[in-house]
Amino acid sequence: MSSFIGHTLAGLTTYAATQPFQSEHSQQSHPLDWKWLLWLLVIASIPDIDYLIPGLRLQPANQILRITHSLLGVLLLPGCTMLGLWLLGKRGSSYKLQSLQVVLVGLSHLLLDLLTGVFPLPLLYPFSLQVFKLPFGLLPSAGRIQLSNYFLYRNLLIELGVLMPLSISLVLSVRNSARSPKGRLLVVAGLVVSVCFMVWAFSLDR
């Protein structure tokens, strides 16, 4: 599984990469919506609530099914959010943007966990009990939370080394900041750094 920091970074990146589209067709400024951003960060990490609620982990046929880590599980809260926004009167481009954000943030949790290549996920639950796992990992798994645990710090370093440069490159590209030579150089440098850390993650034992 990816770490809480990785999922939080995914939420921040989604917000930063998509929010500019809200103002492209409007002359008015759009200040940072802290409450909405905080909610996106909750959605980004909420599937891991099964660590606190063991009942969300099923064990049929001697295998553990983390039902919050299915497509339905990660999209349940985004779906409720979209319904809530609709009932509150949200319409038009603002509603479409926020709906896109909650869906992308929800799916980002599955993507990051799949990229660790460690724990099989029941993506199709409850329609199928089949689990899915990549045969490789481009991210490290989250280390056990213990101050004396060396692997906690090593894995966090690798995860940030993969995700942070990738996030910055994505945001720069979406904001059209990559059109200048300096911007293109930053994007390329970020991708190179990210790939280097992916190679390190790939070499880890699974």
Protein backbone atom coordinates (compact mmCIF):
# COMPACT_ATOMS: atom_id res chain seq x y z
CA MET A 1 0.00 0.00 0.00
CA SER A 2 1.09 3.56 -0.64
CA SER A 3 1.58 5.91 2.33
CA PHE A 4 -0.75 8.59 3.66
CA ILE A 5 1.72 11.20 2.42
CA GLY A 6 1.60 9.74 -1.09
CA HIS A 7 -2.20 9.79 -1.17
CA THR A 8 -2.24 13.35 0.18
CA LEU A 9 0.17 14.44 -2.53
CA ALA A 10 -2.09 12.84 -5.13
CA GLY A 11 -5.02 14.86 -3.80
CA LEU A 12 -3.02 18.10 -3.85
CA THR A 13 -1.79 17.41 -7.37
CA THR A 14 -5.28 16.70 -8.65
CA TYR A 15 -6.55 19.97 -7.23
CA ALA A 16 -3.59 21.99 -8.54
CA ALA A 17 -3.72 20.41 -12.00
CA THR A 18 -7.47 20.77 -12.55
CA GLN A 19 -8.39 23.96 -10.71
CA PRO A 20 -6.98 26.32 -13.39
CA PHE A 21 -9.61 25.07 -15.83
CA GLN A 22 -12.22 26.73 -13.69
CA SER A 23 -10.95 30.18 -14.55
CA GLU A 24 -10.00 29.73 -18.19
CA HIS A 25 -13.35 31.06 -19.41
CA SER A 26 -13.83 33.67 -16.70
CA GLN A 27 -12.13 36.97 -15.91
CA GLN A 28 -12.78 36.74 -12.18
CA SER A 29 -10.23 35.26 -9.81
CA HIS A 30 -10.86 32.01 -7.96
CA PRO A 31 -9.25 31.97 -4.49
CA LEU A 32 -8.05 28.74 -2.97
CA ASP A 33 -11.00 26.84 -1.50
CA TRP A 34 -9.45 25.34 1.62
CA LYS A 35 -12.58 23.47 2.71
CA TRP A 36 -12.94 21.80 -0.68
CA LEU A 37 -9.23 20.97 -0.84
CA LEU A 38 -9.40 19.41 2.63
CA TRP A 39 -12.36 17.30 1.50
CA LEU A 40 -10.40 16.10 -1.54
CA LEU A 41 -7.57 15.04 0.77
CA VAL A 42 -10.05 13.09 2.89
CA ILE A 43 -11.33 11.29 -0.21
CA ALA A 44 -7.75 10.56 -1.30
CA SER A 45 -7.01 8.64 1.91
CA ILE A 46 -10.40 7.40 3.14
CA PRO A 47 -10.11 3.85 1.65
CA ASP A 48 -7.40 3.15 4.25
CA ILE A 49 -10.05 3.47 6.95
CA ASP A 50 -10.12 -0.33 6.87
CA TYR A 51 -6.99 -0.19 9.05
CA LEU A 52 -9.22 1.27 11.78
CA ILE A 53 -12.33 -0.80 10.99
CA PRO A 54 -11.32 -4.49 10.63
CA GLY A 55 -14.86 -5.37 9.53
CA LEU A 56 -14.09 -3.77 6.18
CA ARG A 57 -11.56 -6.55 5.53
CA LEU A 58 -13.25 -9.76 4.44
CA GLN A 59 -11.51 -13.15 4.46
CA PRO A 60 -13.25 -15.55 2.08
CA ALA A 61 -11.28 -18.57 0.85
CA ASN A 62 -8.22 -17.70 2.97
CA GLN A 63 -7.62 -14.39 1.25
CA ILE A 64 -8.04 -10.85 2.56
CA LEU A 65 -10.38 -8.61 0.61
CA ARG A 66 -9.99 -4.91 1.35
CA ILE A 67 -13.41 -3.96 0.06
CA THR A 68 -12.70 -0.24 0.37
CA HIS A 69 -10.01 -0.81 -2.26
CA SER A 70 -12.41 -1.70 -5.05
CA LEU A 71 -13.66 0.59 -7.80
CA LEU A 72 -16.99 0.79 -6.01
CA GLY A 73 -15.28 1.40 -2.68
CA VAL A 74 -13.16 4.35 -3.84
CA LEU A 75 -16.01 5.92 -5.83
CA LEU A 76 -18.69 5.62 -3.15
CA LEU A 77 -17.73 8.82 -1.30
CA PRO A 78 -17.13 10.77 -4.53
CA GLY A 79 -20.57 9.68 -5.72
CA CYS A 80 -22.16 10.85 -2.47
CA THR A 81 -20.24 14.12 -2.78
CA MET A 82 -21.53 14.69 -6.30
CA LEU A 83 -25.08 14.02 -5.13
CA GLY A 84 -24.61 16.39 -2.19
CA LEU A 85 -23.28 19.15 -4.45
CA TRP A 86 -26.27 18.69 -6.77
CA LEU A 87 -28.73 18.90 -3.90
CA LEU A 88 -26.99 22.06 -2.68
CA GLY A 89 -27.65 23.68 -6.04
CA LYS A 90 -24.30 23.25 -7.78
CA ARG A 91 -24.68 23.33 -11.56
CA GLY A 92 -22.74 24.08 -14.72
CA SER A 93 -18.96 24.16 -15.12
CA SER A 94 -18.33 24.45 -11.38
CA TYR A 95 -20.25 21.24 -10.72
CA LYS A 96 -18.51 19.42 -13.57
CA LEU A 97 -15.09 20.50 -12.32
CA GLN A 98 -15.70 19.43 -8.73
CA SER A 99 -17.20 16.13 -9.90
CA LEU A 100 -14.11 15.48 -12.01
CA GLN A 101 -11.86 16.28 -9.07
CA VAL A 102 -13.55 13.92 -6.60
CA VAL A 103 -13.59 11.07 -9.11
CA LEU A 104 -9.92 11.51 -10.04
CA VAL A 105 -8.89 11.76 -6.40
CA GLY A 106 -10.85 8.62 -5.53
CA LEU A 107 -9.29 6.64 -8.37
CA SER A 108 -5.81 7.93 -7.48
CA HIS A 109 -5.88 5.83 -4.32
CA LEU A 110 -6.27 2.61 -6.31
CA LEU A 111 -3.64 3.67 -8.83
CA LEU A 112 -0.98 4.36 -6.20
CA ASP A 113 -1.71 1.13 -4.32
CA LEU A 114 -1.58 -0.89 -7.53
CA LEU A 115 1.77 0.66 -8.42
CA THR A 116 3.33 -0.73 -5.25
CA GLY A 117 2.83 -4.22 -6.69
CA VAL A 118 2.54 -5.70 -3.19
CA PHE A 119 -1.01 -6.32 -2.05
CA PRO A 120 -3.71 -7.75 -4.38
CA LEU A 121 -6.84 -5.59 -4.60
CA PRO A 122 -10.45 -6.69 -5.17
CA LEU A 123 -11.10 -4.10 -7.88
CA LEU A 124 -14.43 -5.60 -9.01
CA TYR A 125 -15.94 -6.29 -5.56
CA PRO A 126 -18.84 -7.04 -4.92
CA PHE A 127 -19.38 -8.30 -8.47
CA SER A 128 -16.29 -10.52 -8.33
CA LEU A 129 -13.96 -11.76 -5.60
CA GLN A 130 -11.02 -11.86 -8.01
CA VAL A 131 -8.03 -9.83 -6.86
CA PHE A 132 -5.55 -7.95 -9.02
CA LYS A 133 -1.89 -7.12 -8.49
CA LEU A 134 0.77 -5.79 -10.83
CA PRO A 135 3.72 -8.19 -11.32
CA PHE A 136 6.08 -5.29 -10.63
CA GLY A 137 6.21 -2.18 -8.47
CA LEU A 138 7.08 1.39 -9.38
CA LEU A 139 6.38 2.61 -5.86
CA PRO A 140 7.52 1.21 -2.52
CA SER A 141 4.98 -0.03 -0.01
CA ALA A 142 4.33 2.06 3.09
CA GLY A 143 6.80 1.14 5.80
CA ARG A 144 5.58 0.11 9.25
CA ILE A 145 5.05 3.24 11.33
CA GLN A 146 7.81 2.93 13.90
CA LEU A 147 10.43 5.61 14.55
CA SER A 148 13.24 3.06 14.63
CA ASN A 149 12.16 1.46 11.35
CA TYR A 150 14.77 2.25 8.68
CA PHE A 151 12.48 1.06 5.88
CA LEU A 152 9.83 3.62 6.85
CA TYR A 153 12.20 6.46 5.97
CA ARG A 154 13.74 4.74 2.95
CA ASN A 155 10.37 3.93 1.40
CA LEU A 156 9.03 7.39 2.10
CA LEU A 157 12.09 8.90 0.41
CA ILE A 158 11.58 6.73 -2.66
CA GLU A 159 7.86 7.48 -2.79
CA LEU A 160 8.43 11.23 -2.61
CA GLY A 161 11.23 10.90 -5.16
CA VAL A 162 8.78 9.31 -7.59
CA LEU A 163 5.66 11.33 -6.91
CA MET A 164 6.84 14.86 -6.14
CA PRO A 165 8.81 15.50 -9.37
CA LEU A 166 6.03 13.79 -11.33
CA SER A 167 3.41 15.99 -9.67
CA ILE A 168 5.36 19.17 -10.33
CA SER A 169 5.89 18.22 -13.98
CA LEU A 170 2.20 17.46 -14.41
CA VAL A 171 1.07 20.75 -12.87
CA LEU A 172 3.57 22.74 -14.93
CA SER A 173 2.38 21.04 -18.11
CA VAL A 174 -1.30 21.59 -17.39
CA ARG A 175 -0.76 25.25 -16.50
CA ASN A 176 1.09 25.75 -19.82
CA SER A 177 4.16 26.75 -17.82
CA ALA A 178 6.11 24.19 -19.86
CA ARG A 179 5.93 26.27 -23.04
CA SER A 180 9.05 28.25 -22.21
CA PRO A 181 12.50 26.62 -22.51
CA LYS A 182 12.94 26.86 -18.73
CA GLY A 183 9.54 25.26 -18.17
CA ARG A 184 10.28 22.40 -20.57
CA LEU A 185 13.62 21.84 -18.85
CA LEU A 186 11.92 21.64 -15.45
CA VAL A 187 9.36 19.15 -16.74
CA VAL A 188 12.01 16.93 -18.34
CA ALA A 189 14.22 17.11 -15.24
CA GLY A 190 11.27 16.17 -13.05
CA LEU A 191 10.42 13.18 -15.22
CA VAL A 192 14.04 12.00 -15.20
CA VAL A 193 14.26 12.22 -11.41
CA SER A 194 10.93 10.42 -11.05
CA VAL A 195 12.01 7.60 -13.37
CA CYS A 196 15.27 7.16 -11.45
CA PHE A 197 13.36 6.65 -8.22
CA MET A 198 10.94 4.30 -10.02
CA VAL A 199 13.91 2.15 -11.00
CA TRP A 200 14.98 2.06 -7.35
CA ALA A 201 11.46 1.06 -6.31
CA PHE A 202 11.34 -1.57 -9.06
CA SER A 203 14.52 -3.17 -7.68
CA LEU A 204 13.05 -3.69 -4.19
CA ASP A 205 12.01 -7.14 -3.00
CA ARG A 206 8.24 -7.75 -3.14
